[in-house]
Full PDB file with SEQRES, HELIX, SHEET, SSBOND, CRYST1, ORIGX, SCALE, CONECT and MASTER records, all heavy atoms in Angstrom:
SEQRES   1 A   41  ASP SER THR LEU VAL VAL VAL LYS ASN ALA GLY HIS GLY          
SEQRES   2 A   41  PHE ARG GLY ARG SER ILE GLN PRO ASN PHE ARG LYS ILE          
SEQRES   3 A   41  LEU SER LYS THR VAL ALA PHE PHE LYS GLU GLU LEU GLN          
SEQRES   4 A   41  GLY THR                                                      
HELIX    1 AA1 HIS A   12  PHE A   14  5                                   3    
HELIX    2 AA2 PHE A   23  PHE A   34  1                                  12    
HELIX    3 AA3 LYS A   35  GLN A   39  3                                   5    
CRYST1    1.000    1.000    1.000  90.00  90.00  90.00 P 1           1          
ORIGX1      1.000000  0.000000  0.000000        0.00000                         
ORIGX2      0.000000  1.000000  0.000000        0.00000                         
ORIGX3      0.000000  0.000000  1.000000        0.00000                         
SCALE1      1.000000  0.000000  0.000000        0.00000                         
SCALE2      0.000000  1.000000  0.000000        0.00000                         
SCALE3      0.000000  0.000000  1.000000        0.00000                         
ATOM      1  N   ASP A   1      90.365  16.019 154.742  1.00  0.00           N  
ATOM      2  CA  ASP A   1      90.241  17.138 153.814  1.00  0.00           C  
ATOM      3  C   ASP A   1      89.903  16.586 152.422  1.00  0.00           C  
ATOM      4  O   ASP A   1      90.704  15.875 151.827  1.00  0.00           O  
ATOM      5  CB  ASP A   1      91.550  17.916 153.781  1.00  0.00           C  
ATOM      6  CG  ASP A   1      91.529  19.122 152.858  1.00  0.00           C  
ATOM      7  OD1 ASP A   1      90.462  19.447 152.297  1.00  0.00           O  
ATOM      8  OD2 ASP A   1      92.593  19.739 152.689  1.00  0.00           O  
ATOM      9  N   SER A   2      88.716  16.902 151.941  1.00  0.00           N  
ATOM     10  CA  SER A   2      88.280  16.422 150.629  1.00  0.00           C  
ATOM     11  C   SER A   2      87.554  17.531 149.889  1.00  0.00           C  
ATOM     12  O   SER A   2      86.739  18.245 150.471  1.00  0.00           O  
ATOM     13  CB  SER A   2      87.340  15.223 150.783  1.00  0.00           C  
ATOM     14  OG  SER A   2      86.880  14.784 149.517  1.00  0.00           O  
ATOM     15  N   THR A   3      87.890  17.670 148.619  1.00  0.00           N  
ATOM     16  CA  THR A   3      87.233  18.637 147.753  1.00  0.00           C  
ATOM     17  C   THR A   3      86.647  17.882 146.569  1.00  0.00           C  
ATOM     18  O   THR A   3      87.341  17.079 145.945  1.00  0.00           O  
ATOM     19  CB  THR A   3      88.236  19.694 147.241  1.00  0.00           C  
ATOM     20  OG1 THR A   3      88.825  20.352 148.359  1.00  0.00           O  
ATOM     21  CG2 THR A   3      87.566  20.704 146.332  1.00  0.00           C  
ATOM     22  N   LEU A   4      85.388  18.151 146.274  1.00  0.00           N  
ATOM     23  CA  LEU A   4      84.719  17.548 145.124  1.00  0.00           C  
ATOM     24  C   LEU A   4      84.329  18.649 144.157  1.00  0.00           C  
ATOM     25  O   LEU A   4      83.634  19.592 144.530  1.00  0.00           O  
ATOM     26  CB  LEU A   4      83.473  16.772 145.547  1.00  0.00           C  
ATOM     27  CG  LEU A   4      82.588  16.231 144.423  1.00  0.00           C  
ATOM     28  CD1 LEU A   4      83.343  15.246 143.533  1.00  0.00           C  
ATOM     29  CD2 LEU A   4      81.333  15.579 144.997  1.00  0.00           C  
ATOM     30  N   VAL A   5      84.812  18.533 142.926  1.00  0.00           N  
ATOM     31  CA  VAL A   5      84.441  19.457 141.866  1.00  0.00           C  
ATOM     32  C   VAL A   5      83.601  18.670 140.870  1.00  0.00           C  
ATOM     33  O   VAL A   5      84.078  17.702 140.270  1.00  0.00           O  
ATOM     34  CB  VAL A   5      85.683  20.054 141.155  1.00  0.00           C  
ATOM     35  CG1 VAL A   5      85.276  20.936 139.993  1.00  0.00           C  
ATOM     36  CG2 VAL A   5      86.563  20.807 142.147  1.00  0.00           C  
ATOM     37  N   VAL A   6      82.336  19.070 140.723  1.00  0.00           N  
ATOM     38  CA  VAL A   6      81.454  18.438 139.752  1.00  0.00           C  
ATOM     39  C   VAL A   6      81.483  19.293 138.490  1.00  0.00           C  
ATOM     40  O   VAL A   6      81.211  20.491 138.533  1.00  0.00           O  
ATOM     41  CB  VAL A   6      80.014  18.318 140.295  1.00  0.00           C  
ATOM     42  CG1 VAL A   6      79.086  17.734 139.238  1.00  0.00           C  
ATOM     43  CG2 VAL A   6      79.998  17.457 141.552  1.00  0.00           C  
ATOM     44  N   VAL A   7      81.837  18.661 137.374  1.00  0.00           N  
ATOM     45  CA  VAL A   7      81.940  19.379 136.108  1.00  0.00           C  
ATOM     46  C   VAL A   7      80.619  19.227 135.357  1.00  0.00           C  
ATOM     47  O   VAL A   7      80.255  18.133 134.925  1.00  0.00           O  
ATOM     48  CB  VAL A   7      83.124  18.852 135.270  1.00  0.00           C  
ATOM     49  CG1 VAL A   7      83.270  19.658 133.986  1.00  0.00           C  
ATOM     50  CG2 VAL A   7      84.416  18.889 136.082  1.00  0.00           C  
ATOM     51  N   LYS A   8      79.906  20.320 135.271  1.00  0.00           N  
ATOM     52  CA  LYS A   8      78.590  20.308 134.628  1.00  0.00           C  
ATOM     53  C   LYS A   8      78.726  20.059 133.127  1.00  0.00           C  
ATOM     54  O   LYS A   8      79.659  20.533 132.488  1.00  0.00           O  
ATOM     55  CB  LYS A   8      77.878  21.634 134.875  1.00  0.00           C  
ATOM     56  CG  LYS A   8      77.552  21.861 136.337  1.00  0.00           C  
ATOM     57  CD  LYS A   8      76.656  23.063 136.529  1.00  0.00           C  
ATOM     58  CE  LYS A   8      76.391  23.347 137.973  1.00  0.00           C  
ATOM     59  NZ  LYS A   8      75.751  22.317 138.713  1.00  0.00           N  
ATOM     60  N   ASN A   9      77.767  19.306 132.599  1.00  0.00           N  
ATOM     61  CA  ASN A   9      77.680  18.968 131.172  1.00  0.00           C  
ATOM     62  C   ASN A   9      78.832  18.092 130.684  1.00  0.00           C  
ATOM     63  O   ASN A   9      79.045  17.983 129.487  1.00  0.00           O  
ATOM     64  CB  ASN A   9      77.622  20.236 130.304  1.00  0.00           C  
ATOM     65  CG  ASN A   9      76.489  21.136 130.691  1.00  0.00           C  
ATOM     66  OD1 ASN A   9      75.370  20.690 130.911  1.00  0.00           O  
ATOM     67  ND2 ASN A   9      76.760  22.424 130.796  1.00  0.00           N  
ATOM     68  N   ALA A  10      79.593  17.481 131.589  1.00  0.00           N  
ATOM     69  CA  ALA A  10      80.754  16.690 131.181  1.00  0.00           C  
ATOM     70  C   ALA A  10      80.520  15.208 131.402  1.00  0.00           C  
ATOM     71  O   ALA A  10      79.900  14.794 132.373  1.00  0.00           O  
ATOM     72  CB  ALA A  10      81.983  17.117 131.972  1.00  0.00           C  
ATOM     73  N   GLY A  11      81.054  14.439 130.470  1.00  0.00           N  
ATOM     74  CA  GLY A  11      81.060  12.994 130.609  1.00  0.00           C  
ATOM     75  C   GLY A  11      82.417  12.548 131.134  1.00  0.00           C  
ATOM     76  O   GLY A  11      83.169  13.339 131.701  1.00  0.00           O  
ATOM     77  N   HIS A  12      82.743  11.284 130.928  1.00  0.00           N  
ATOM     78  CA  HIS A  12      84.018  10.735 131.367  1.00  0.00           C  
ATOM     79  C   HIS A  12      85.151  11.427 130.615  1.00  0.00           C  
ATOM     80  O   HIS A  12      85.087  11.607 129.417  1.00  0.00           O  
ATOM     81  CB  HIS A  12      84.047   9.224 131.107  1.00  0.00           C  
ATOM     82  CG  HIS A  12      85.143   8.522 131.806  1.00  0.00           C  
ATOM     83  ND1 HIS A  12      85.118   8.265 133.154  1.00  0.00           N  
ATOM     84  CD2 HIS A  12      86.318   8.027 131.346  1.00  0.00           C  
ATOM     85  CE1 HIS A  12      86.219   7.635 133.501  1.00  0.00           C  
ATOM     86  NE2 HIS A  12      86.967   7.475 132.426  1.00  0.00           N  
ATOM     87  N   GLY A  13      86.184  11.815 131.312  1.00  0.00           N  
ATOM     88  CA  GLY A  13      87.298  12.505 130.658  1.00  0.00           C  
ATOM     89  C   GLY A  13      86.982  13.954 130.355  1.00  0.00           C  
ATOM     90  O   GLY A  13      87.670  14.598 129.579  1.00  0.00           O  
ATOM     91  N   PHE A  14      85.916  14.459 130.960  1.00  0.00           N  
ATOM     92  CA  PHE A  14      85.487  15.853 130.790  1.00  0.00           C  
ATOM     93  C   PHE A  14      85.178  16.184 129.338  1.00  0.00           C  
ATOM     94  O   PHE A  14      85.391  17.284 128.877  1.00  0.00           O  
ATOM     95  CB  PHE A  14      86.522  16.828 131.375  1.00  0.00           C  
ATOM     96  CG  PHE A  14      86.948  16.430 132.753  1.00  0.00           C  
ATOM     97  CD1 PHE A  14      88.270  16.181 133.046  1.00  0.00           C  
ATOM     98  CD2 PHE A  14      86.007  16.260 133.752  1.00  0.00           C  
ATOM     99  CE1 PHE A  14      88.659  15.787 134.308  1.00  0.00           C  
ATOM    100  CE2 PHE A  14      86.381  15.872 135.025  1.00  0.00           C  
ATOM    101  CZ  PHE A  14      87.711  15.635 135.292  1.00  0.00           C  
ATOM    102  N   ARG A  15      84.649  15.187 128.642  1.00  0.00           N  
ATOM    103  CA  ARG A  15      84.214  15.442 127.276  1.00  0.00           C  
ATOM    104  C   ARG A  15      82.825  16.066 127.327  1.00  0.00           C  
ATOM    105  O   ARG A  15      81.999  15.690 128.134  1.00  0.00           O  
ATOM    106  CB  ARG A  15      84.167  14.136 126.489  1.00  0.00           C  
ATOM    107  CG  ARG A  15      85.532  13.549 126.276  1.00  0.00           C  
ATOM    108  CD  ARG A  15      85.438  12.251 125.478  1.00  0.00           C  
ATOM    109  NE  ARG A  15      86.715  11.596 125.425  1.00  0.00           N  
ATOM    110  CZ  ARG A  15      87.104  10.645 126.267  1.00  0.00           C  
ATOM    111  NH1 ARG A  15      86.298  10.226 127.209  1.00  0.00           N  
ATOM    112  NH2 ARG A  15      88.282  10.098 126.159  1.00  0.00           N  
ATOM    113  N   GLY A  16      82.616  16.998 126.492  1.00  0.00           N  
ATOM    114  CA  GLY A  16      81.332  17.668 126.445  1.00  0.00           C  
ATOM    115  C   GLY A  16      81.518  19.069 125.915  1.00  0.00           C  
ATOM    116  O   GLY A  16      82.603  19.627 125.989  1.00  0.00           O  
ATOM    117  N   ARG A  17      80.458  19.606 125.396  1.00  0.00           N  
ATOM    118  CA  ARG A  17      80.564  20.894 124.749  1.00  0.00           C  
ATOM    119  C   ARG A  17      80.757  22.062 125.697  1.00  0.00           C  
ATOM    120  O   ARG A  17      81.777  22.712 125.708  1.00  0.00           O  
ATOM    121  CB  ARG A  17      79.349  21.129 123.899  1.00  0.00           C  
ATOM    122  CG  ARG A  17      79.818  21.519 122.549  1.00  0.00           C  
ATOM    123  CD  ARG A  17      78.730  21.587 121.617  1.00  0.00           C  
ATOM    124  NE  ARG A  17      79.297  21.008 120.434  1.00  0.00           N  
ATOM    125  CZ  ARG A  17      79.086  21.409 119.273  1.00  0.00           C  
ATOM    126  NH1 ARG A  17      78.222  22.344 119.070  1.00  0.00           N  
ATOM    127  NH2 ARG A  17      79.678  20.876 118.267  1.00  0.00           N  
ATOM    128  N   SER A  18      79.813  22.358 126.471  1.00  0.00           N  
ATOM    129  CA  SER A  18      79.886  23.548 127.318  1.00  0.00           C  
ATOM    130  C   SER A  18      80.085  23.156 128.777  1.00  0.00           C  
ATOM    131  O   SER A  18      79.250  23.415 129.624  1.00  0.00           O  
ATOM    132  CB  SER A  18      78.630  24.392 127.136  1.00  0.00           C  
ATOM    133  OG  SER A  18      77.490  23.610 127.427  1.00  0.00           O  
ATOM    134  N   ILE A  19      81.220  22.507 129.038  1.00  0.00           N  
ATOM    135  CA  ILE A  19      81.477  22.057 130.397  1.00  0.00           C  
ATOM    136  C   ILE A  19      81.810  23.249 131.291  1.00  0.00           C  
ATOM    137  O   ILE A  19      82.389  24.232 130.844  1.00  0.00           O  
ATOM    138  CB  ILE A  19      82.579  20.981 130.466  1.00  0.00           C  
ATOM    139  CG1 ILE A  19      83.936  21.524 130.033  1.00  0.00           C  
ATOM    140  CG2 ILE A  19      82.193  19.766 129.655  1.00  0.00           C  
ATOM    141  CD1 ILE A  19      85.087  20.562 130.278  1.00  0.00           C  
ATOM    142  N   GLN A  20      81.395  23.137 132.543  1.00  0.00           N  
ATOM    143  CA  GLN A  20      81.656  24.186 133.534  1.00  0.00           C  
ATOM    144  C   GLN A  20      82.112  23.539 134.828  1.00  0.00           C  
ATOM    145  O   GLN A  20      81.377  22.713 135.360  1.00  0.00           O  
ATOM    146  CB  GLN A  20      80.392  25.015 133.790  1.00  0.00           C  
ATOM    147  CG  GLN A  20      80.020  25.910 132.644  1.00  0.00           C  
ATOM    148  CD  GLN A  20      81.081  26.965 132.362  1.00  0.00           C  
ATOM    149  OE1 GLN A  20      81.716  27.472 133.278  1.00  0.00           O  
ATOM    150  NE2 GLN A  20      81.289  27.283 131.116  1.00  0.00           N  
ATOM    151  N   PRO A  21      83.255  23.836 135.394  1.00  0.00           N  
ATOM    152  CA  PRO A  21      84.214  24.779 134.852  1.00  0.00           C  
ATOM    153  C   PRO A  21      84.862  24.233 133.585  1.00  0.00           C  
ATOM    154  O   PRO A  21      84.896  23.018 133.372  1.00  0.00           O  
ATOM    155  CB  PRO A  21      85.247  24.929 135.974  1.00  0.00           C  
ATOM    156  CG  PRO A  21      85.147  23.672 136.772  1.00  0.00           C  
ATOM    157  CD  PRO A  21      83.715  23.228 136.649  1.00  0.00           C  
ATOM    158  N   ASN A  22      85.383  25.137 132.750  1.00  0.00           N  
ATOM    159  CA  ASN A  22      85.995  24.692 131.502  1.00  0.00           C  
ATOM    160  C   ASN A  22      87.329  23.995 131.801  1.00  0.00           C  
ATOM    161  O   ASN A  22      87.823  24.018 132.922  1.00  0.00           O  
ATOM    162  CB  ASN A  22      86.152  25.857 130.513  1.00  0.00           C  
ATOM    163  CG  ASN A  22      87.117  26.916 130.985  1.00  0.00           C  
ATOM    164  OD1 ASN A  22      88.137  26.630 131.611  1.00  0.00           O  
ATOM    165  ND2 ASN A  22      86.800  28.168 130.708  1.00  0.00           N  
ATOM    166  N   PHE A  23      87.884  23.369 130.771  1.00  0.00           N  
ATOM    167  CA  PHE A  23      89.072  22.546 130.981  1.00  0.00           C  
ATOM    168  C   PHE A  23      90.228  23.354 131.552  1.00  0.00           C  
ATOM    169  O   PHE A  23      90.962  22.881 132.417  1.00  0.00           O  
ATOM    170  CB  PHE A  23      89.492  21.845 129.686  1.00  0.00           C  
ATOM    171  CG  PHE A  23      90.565  20.822 129.917  1.00  0.00           C  
ATOM    172  CD1 PHE A  23      90.252  19.602 130.496  1.00  0.00           C  
ATOM    173  CD2 PHE A  23      91.881  21.088 129.606  1.00  0.00           C  
ATOM    174  CE1 PHE A  23      91.239  18.656 130.745  1.00  0.00           C  
ATOM    175  CE2 PHE A  23      92.875  20.150 129.857  1.00  0.00           C  
ATOM    176  CZ  PHE A  23      92.551  18.931 130.419  1.00  0.00           C  
ATOM    177  N   ARG A  24      90.392  24.580 131.125  1.00  0.00           N  
ATOM    178  CA  ARG A  24      91.479  25.426 131.633  1.00  0.00           C  
ATOM    179  C   ARG A  24      91.315  25.656 133.139  1.00  0.00           C  
ATOM    180  O   ARG A  24      92.273  25.614 133.894  1.00  0.00           O  
ATOM    181  CB  ARG A  24      91.507  26.748 130.880  1.00  0.00           C  
ATOM    182  CG  ARG A  24      92.717  27.577 131.245  1.00  0.00           C  
ATOM    183  CD  ARG A  24      92.886  28.731 130.316  1.00  0.00           C  
ATOM    184  NE  ARG A  24      93.421  28.190 129.066  1.00  0.00           N  
ATOM    185  CZ  ARG A  24      93.439  28.839 127.924  1.00  0.00           C  
ATOM    186  NH1 ARG A  24      92.937  30.041 127.850  1.00  0.00           N  
ATOM    187  NH2 ARG A  24      93.939  28.293 126.848  1.00  0.00           N  
ATOM    188  N   LYS A  25      90.074  25.885 133.589  1.00  0.00           N  
ATOM    189  CA  LYS A  25      89.821  26.095 135.020  1.00  0.00           C  
ATOM    190  C   LYS A  25      90.033  24.804 135.807  1.00  0.00           C  
ATOM    191  O   LYS A  25      90.529  24.838 136.931  1.00  0.00           O  
ATOM    192  CB  LYS A  25      88.414  26.632 135.238  1.00  0.00           C  
ATOM    193  CG  LYS A  25      88.266  28.076 134.814  1.00  0.00           C  
ATOM    194  CD  LYS A  25      86.877  28.598 135.083  1.00  0.00           C  
ATOM    195  CE  LYS A  25      86.758  30.028 134.584  1.00  0.00           C  
ATOM    196  NZ  LYS A  25      85.390  30.533 134.736  1.00  0.00           N  
ATOM    197  N   ILE A  26      89.660  23.666 135.220  1.00  0.00           N  
ATOM    198  CA  ILE A  26      89.894  22.375 135.869  1.00  0.00           C  
ATOM    199  C   ILE A  26      91.393  22.169 136.063  1.00  0.00           C  
ATOM    200  O   ILE A  26      91.858  21.790 137.145  1.00  0.00           O  
ATOM    201  CB  ILE A  26      89.298  21.212 135.046  1.00  0.00           C  
ATOM    202  CG1 ILE A  26      87.779  21.297 135.019  1.00  0.00           C  
ATOM    203  CG2 ILE A  26      89.760  19.858 135.599  1.00  0.00           C  
ATOM    204  CD1 ILE A  26      87.132  20.361 134.017  1.00  0.00           C  
ATOM    205  N   LEU A  27      92.157  22.427 135.022  1.00  0.00           N  
ATOM    206  CA  LEU A  27      93.608  22.273 135.095  1.00  0.00           C  
ATOM    207  C   LEU A  27      94.198  23.220 136.135  1.00  0.00           C  
ATOM    208  O   LEU A  27      95.058  22.838 136.930  1.00  0.00           O  
ATOM    209  CB  LEU A  27      94.234  22.511 133.720  1.00  0.00           C  
ATOM    210  CG  LEU A  27      95.731  22.263 133.610  1.00  0.00           C  
ATOM    211  CD1 LEU A  27      96.089  20.844 134.012  1.00  0.00           C  
ATOM    212  CD2 LEU A  27      96.191  22.544 132.191  1.00  0.00           C  
ATOM    213  N   SER A  28      93.699  24.431 136.170  1.00  0.00           N  
ATOM    214  CA  SER A  28      94.169  25.418 137.137  1.00  0.00           C  
ATOM    215  C   SER A  28      93.887  24.965 138.575  1.00  0.00           C  
ATOM    216  O   SER A  28      94.735  25.088 139.466  1.00  0.00           O  
ATOM    217  CB  SER A  28      93.502  26.762 136.865  1.00  0.00           C  
ATOM    218  OG  SER A  28      93.912  27.720 137.800  1.00  0.00           O  
ATOM    219  N   LYS A  29      92.676  24.420 138.827  1.00  0.00           N  
ATOM    220  CA  LYS A  29      92.330  23.912 140.155  1.00  0.00           C  
ATOM    221  C   LYS A  29      93.258  22.757 140.538  1.00  0.00           C  
ATOM    222  O   LYS A  29      93.680  22.647 141.691  1.00  0.00           O  
ATOM    223  CB  LYS A  29      90.882  23.427 140.187  1.00  0.00           C  
ATOM    224  CG  LYS A  29      89.847  24.521 140.231  1.00  0.00           C  
ATOM    225  CD  LYS A  29      88.449  23.906 140.211  1.00  0.00           C  
ATOM    226  CE  LYS A  29      87.379  24.945 140.195  1.00  0.00           C  
ATOM    227  NZ  LYS A  29      87.167  25.589 141.486  1.00  0.00           N  
ATOM    228  N   THR A  30      93.551  21.894 139.589  1.00  0.00           N  
ATOM    229  CA  THR A  30      94.412  20.747 139.844  1.00  0.00           C  
ATOM    230  C   THR A  30      95.831  21.192 140.194  1.00  0.00           C  
ATOM    231  O   THR A  30      96.419  20.727 141.173  1.00  0.00           O  
ATOM    232  CB  THR A  30      94.432  19.808 138.626  1.00  0.00           C  
ATOM    233  OG1 THR A  30      93.089  19.436 138.302  1.00  0.00           O  
ATOM    234  CG2 THR A  30      95.254  18.559 138.887  1.00  0.00           C  
ATOM    235  N   VAL A  31      96.369  22.107 139.405  1.00  0.00           N  
ATOM    236  CA  VAL A  31      97.721  22.612 139.659  1.00  0.00           C  
ATOM    237  C   VAL A  31      97.781  23.315 141.015  1.00  0.00           C  
ATOM    238  O   VAL A  31      98.710  23.104 141.800  1.00  0.00           O  
ATOM    239  CB  VAL A  31      98.185  23.545 138.519  1.00  0.00           C  
ATOM    240  CG1 VAL A  31      99.466  24.277 138.882  1.00  0.00           C  
ATOM    241  CG2 VAL A  31      98.376  22.750 137.229  1.00  0.00           C  
ATOM    242  N   ALA A  32      96.778  24.133 141.315  1.00  0.00           N  
ATOM    243  CA  ALA A  32      96.742  24.837 142.605  1.00  0.00           C  
ATOM    244  C   ALA A  32      96.698  23.848 143.765  1.00  0.00           C  
ATOM    245  O   ALA A  32      97.379  24.039 144.789  1.00  0.00           O  
ATOM    246  CB  ALA A  32      95.544  25.776 142.657  1.00  0.00           C  
ATOM    247  N   PHE A  33      95.895  22.782 143.625  1.00  0.00           N  
ATOM    248  CA  PHE A  33      95.805  21.753 144.668  1.00  0.00           C  
ATOM    249  C   PHE A  33      97.174  21.127 144.917  1.00  0.00           C  
ATOM    250  O   PHE A  33      97.622  21.023 146.058  1.00  0.00           O  
ATOM    251  CB  PHE A  33      94.787  20.681 144.257  1.00  0.00           C  
ATOM    252  CG  PHE A  33      94.716  19.518 145.209  1.00  0.00           C  
ATOM    253  CD1 PHE A  33      93.973  19.610 146.376  1.00  0.00           C  
ATOM    254  CD2 PHE A  33      95.389  18.339 144.942  1.00  0.00           C  
ATOM    255  CE1 PHE A  33      93.906  18.538 147.272  1.00  0.00           C  
ATOM    256  CE2 PHE A  33      95.323  17.263 145.816  1.00  0.00           C  
ATOM    257  CZ  PHE A  33      94.583  17.358 146.984  1.00  0.00           C  
ATOM    258  N   PHE A  34      97.865  20.725 143.848  1.00  0.00           N  
ATOM    259  CA  PHE A  34      99.164  20.082 144.019  1.00  0.00           C  
ATOM    260  C   PHE A  34     100.209  21.047 144.549  1.00  0.00           C  
ATOM    261  O   PHE A  34     101.041  20.677 145.382  1.00  0.00           O  
ATOM    262  CB  PHE A  34      99.624  19.409 142.725  1.00  0.00           C  
ATOM    263  CG  PHE A  34      98.933  18.102 142.478  1.00  0.00           C  
ATOM    264  CD1 PHE A  34      98.062  17.952 141.422  1.00  0.00           C  
ATOM    265  CD2 PHE A  34      99.131  17.024 143.323  1.00  0.00           C  
ATOM    266  CE1 PHE A  34      97.406  16.751 141.211  1.00  0.00           C  
ATOM    267  CE2 PHE A  34      98.489  15.813 143.127  1.00  0.00           C  
ATOM    268  CZ  PHE A  34      97.627  15.686 142.058  1.00  0.00           C  
ATOM    269  N   LYS A  35     100.186  22.278 144.094  1.00  0.00           N  
ATOM    270  CA  LYS A  35     101.140  23.262 144.622  1.00  0.00           C  
ATOM    271  C   LYS A  35     100.940  23.450 146.119  1.00  0.00           C  
ATOM    272  O   LYS A  35     101.896  23.484 146.881  1.00  0.00           O  
ATOM    273  CB  LYS A  35     100.992  24.605 143.903  1.00  0.00           C  
ATOM    274  CG  LYS A  35     101.681  24.651 142.575  1.00  0.00           C  
ATOM    275  CD  LYS A  35     101.617  26.044 142.000  1.00  0.00           C  
ATOM    276  CE  LYS A  35     102.408  26.111 140.723  1.00  0.00           C  
ATOM    277  NZ  LYS A  35     102.412  27.467 140.157  1.00  0.00           N  
ATOM    278  N   GLU A  36      99.694  23.583 146.524  1.00  0.00           N  
ATOM    279  CA  GLU A  36      99.418  23.796 147.941  1.00  0.00           C  
ATOM    280  C   GLU A  36      99.769  22.580 148.779  1.00  0.00           C  
ATOM    281  O   GLU A  36     100.396  22.688 149.830  1.00  0.00           O  
ATOM    282  CB  GLU A  36      97.955  24.155 148.148  1.00  0.00           C  
ATOM    283  CG  GLU A  36      97.634  24.506 149.588  1.00  0.00           C  
ATOM    284  CD  GLU A  36      96.236  25.009 149.773  1.00  0.00           C  
ATOM    285  OE1 GLU A  36      95.644  25.553 148.827  1.00  0.00           O  
ATOM    286  OE2 GLU A  36      95.723  24.867 150.902  1.00  0.00           O  
ATOM    287  N   GLU A  37      99.373  21.404 148.306  1.00  0.00           N  
ATOM    288  CA  GLU A  37      99.566  20.193 149.100  1.00  0.00           C  
ATOM    289  C   GLU A  37     100.981  19.655 149.049  1.00  0.00           C  
ATOM    290  O   GLU A  37     101.471  19.105 150.032  1.00  0.00           O  
ATOM    291  CB  GLU A  37      98.571  19.107 148.675  1.00  0.00           C  
ATOM    292  CG  GLU A  37      97.127  19.487 148.870  1.00  0.00           C  
ATOM    293  CD  GLU A  37      96.795  19.951 150.291  1.00  0.00           C  
ATOM    294  OE1 GLU A  37      97.429  19.464 151.255  1.00  0.00           O  
ATOM    295  OE2 GLU A  37      95.911  20.800 150.439  1.00  0.00           O  
ATOM    296  N   LEU A  38     101.656  19.789 147.924  1.00  0.00           N  
ATOM    297  CA  LEU A  38     102.999  19.222 147.795  1.00  0.00           C  
ATOM    298  C   LEU A  38     104.104  20.240 148.076  1.00  0.00           C  
ATOM    299  O   LEU A  38     105.167  19.879 148.555  1.00  0.00           O  
ATOM    300  CB  LEU A  38     103.190  18.618 146.408  1.00  0.00           C  
ATOM    301  CG  LEU A  38     102.257  17.453 146.061  1.00  0.00           C  
ATOM    302  CD1 LEU A  38     102.508  16.977 144.643  1.00  0.00           C  
ATOM    303  CD2 LEU A  38     102.413  16.307 147.043  1.00  0.00           C  
ATOM    304  N   GLN A  39     103.829  21.499 147.747  1.00  0.00           N  
ATOM    305  CA  GLN A  39     104.851  22.526 147.932  1.00  0.00           C  
ATOM    306  C   GLN A  39     104.530  23.464 149.098  1.00  0.00           C  
ATOM    307  O   GLN A  39     105.381  24.247 149.494  1.00  0.00           O  
ATOM    308  CB  GLN A  39     105.012  23.350 146.658  1.00  0.00           C  
ATOM    309  CG  GLN A  39     105.485  22.540 145.476  1.00  0.00           C  
ATOM    310  CD  GLN A  39     105.530  23.370 144.196  1.00  0.00           C  
ATOM    311  OE1 GLN A  39     104.903  24.405 144.087  1.00  0.00           O  
ATOM    312  NE2 GLN A  39     106.309  22.901 143.243  1.00  0.00           N  
ATOM    313  N   GLY A  40     103.297  23.416 149.568  1.00  0.00           N  
ATOM    314  CA  GLY A  40     102.908  24.296 150.660  1.00  0.00           C  
ATOM    315  C   GLY A  40     102.731  25.739 150.256  1.00  0.00           C  
ATOM    316  O   GLY A  40     102.766  26.634 151.084  1.00  0.00           O  
ATOM    317  N   THR A  41     102.497  25.975 148.957  1.00  0.00           N  
ATOM    318  CA  THR A  41     102.277  27.349 148.475  1.00  0.00           C  
ATOM    319  C   THR A  41     100.847  27.494 147.986  1.00  0.00           C  
ATOM    320  O   THR A  41     100.386  26.692 147.166  1.00  0.00           O  
ATOM    321  CB  THR A  41     103.250  27.696 147.331  1.00  0.00           C  
ATOM    322  OG1 THR A  41     103.100  26.748 146.284  1.00  0.00           O  
ATOM    323  CG2 THR A  41     104.692  27.694 147.790  1.00  0.00           C  
TER     324      THR A  41                                                      
MASTER        0    0    0    3    0    0    0    6  323    1    0    4          
END                                                                             
């Protein structure tokens, strides 16, 4: 099971002006991944 999220317009560390998904969405995807995989929710 592998998921790849490519952040458009972003450099290393997700630096960049109009990155997509934006940092809030990236953080949300990360939290959702850990909740599902570690907590099963």
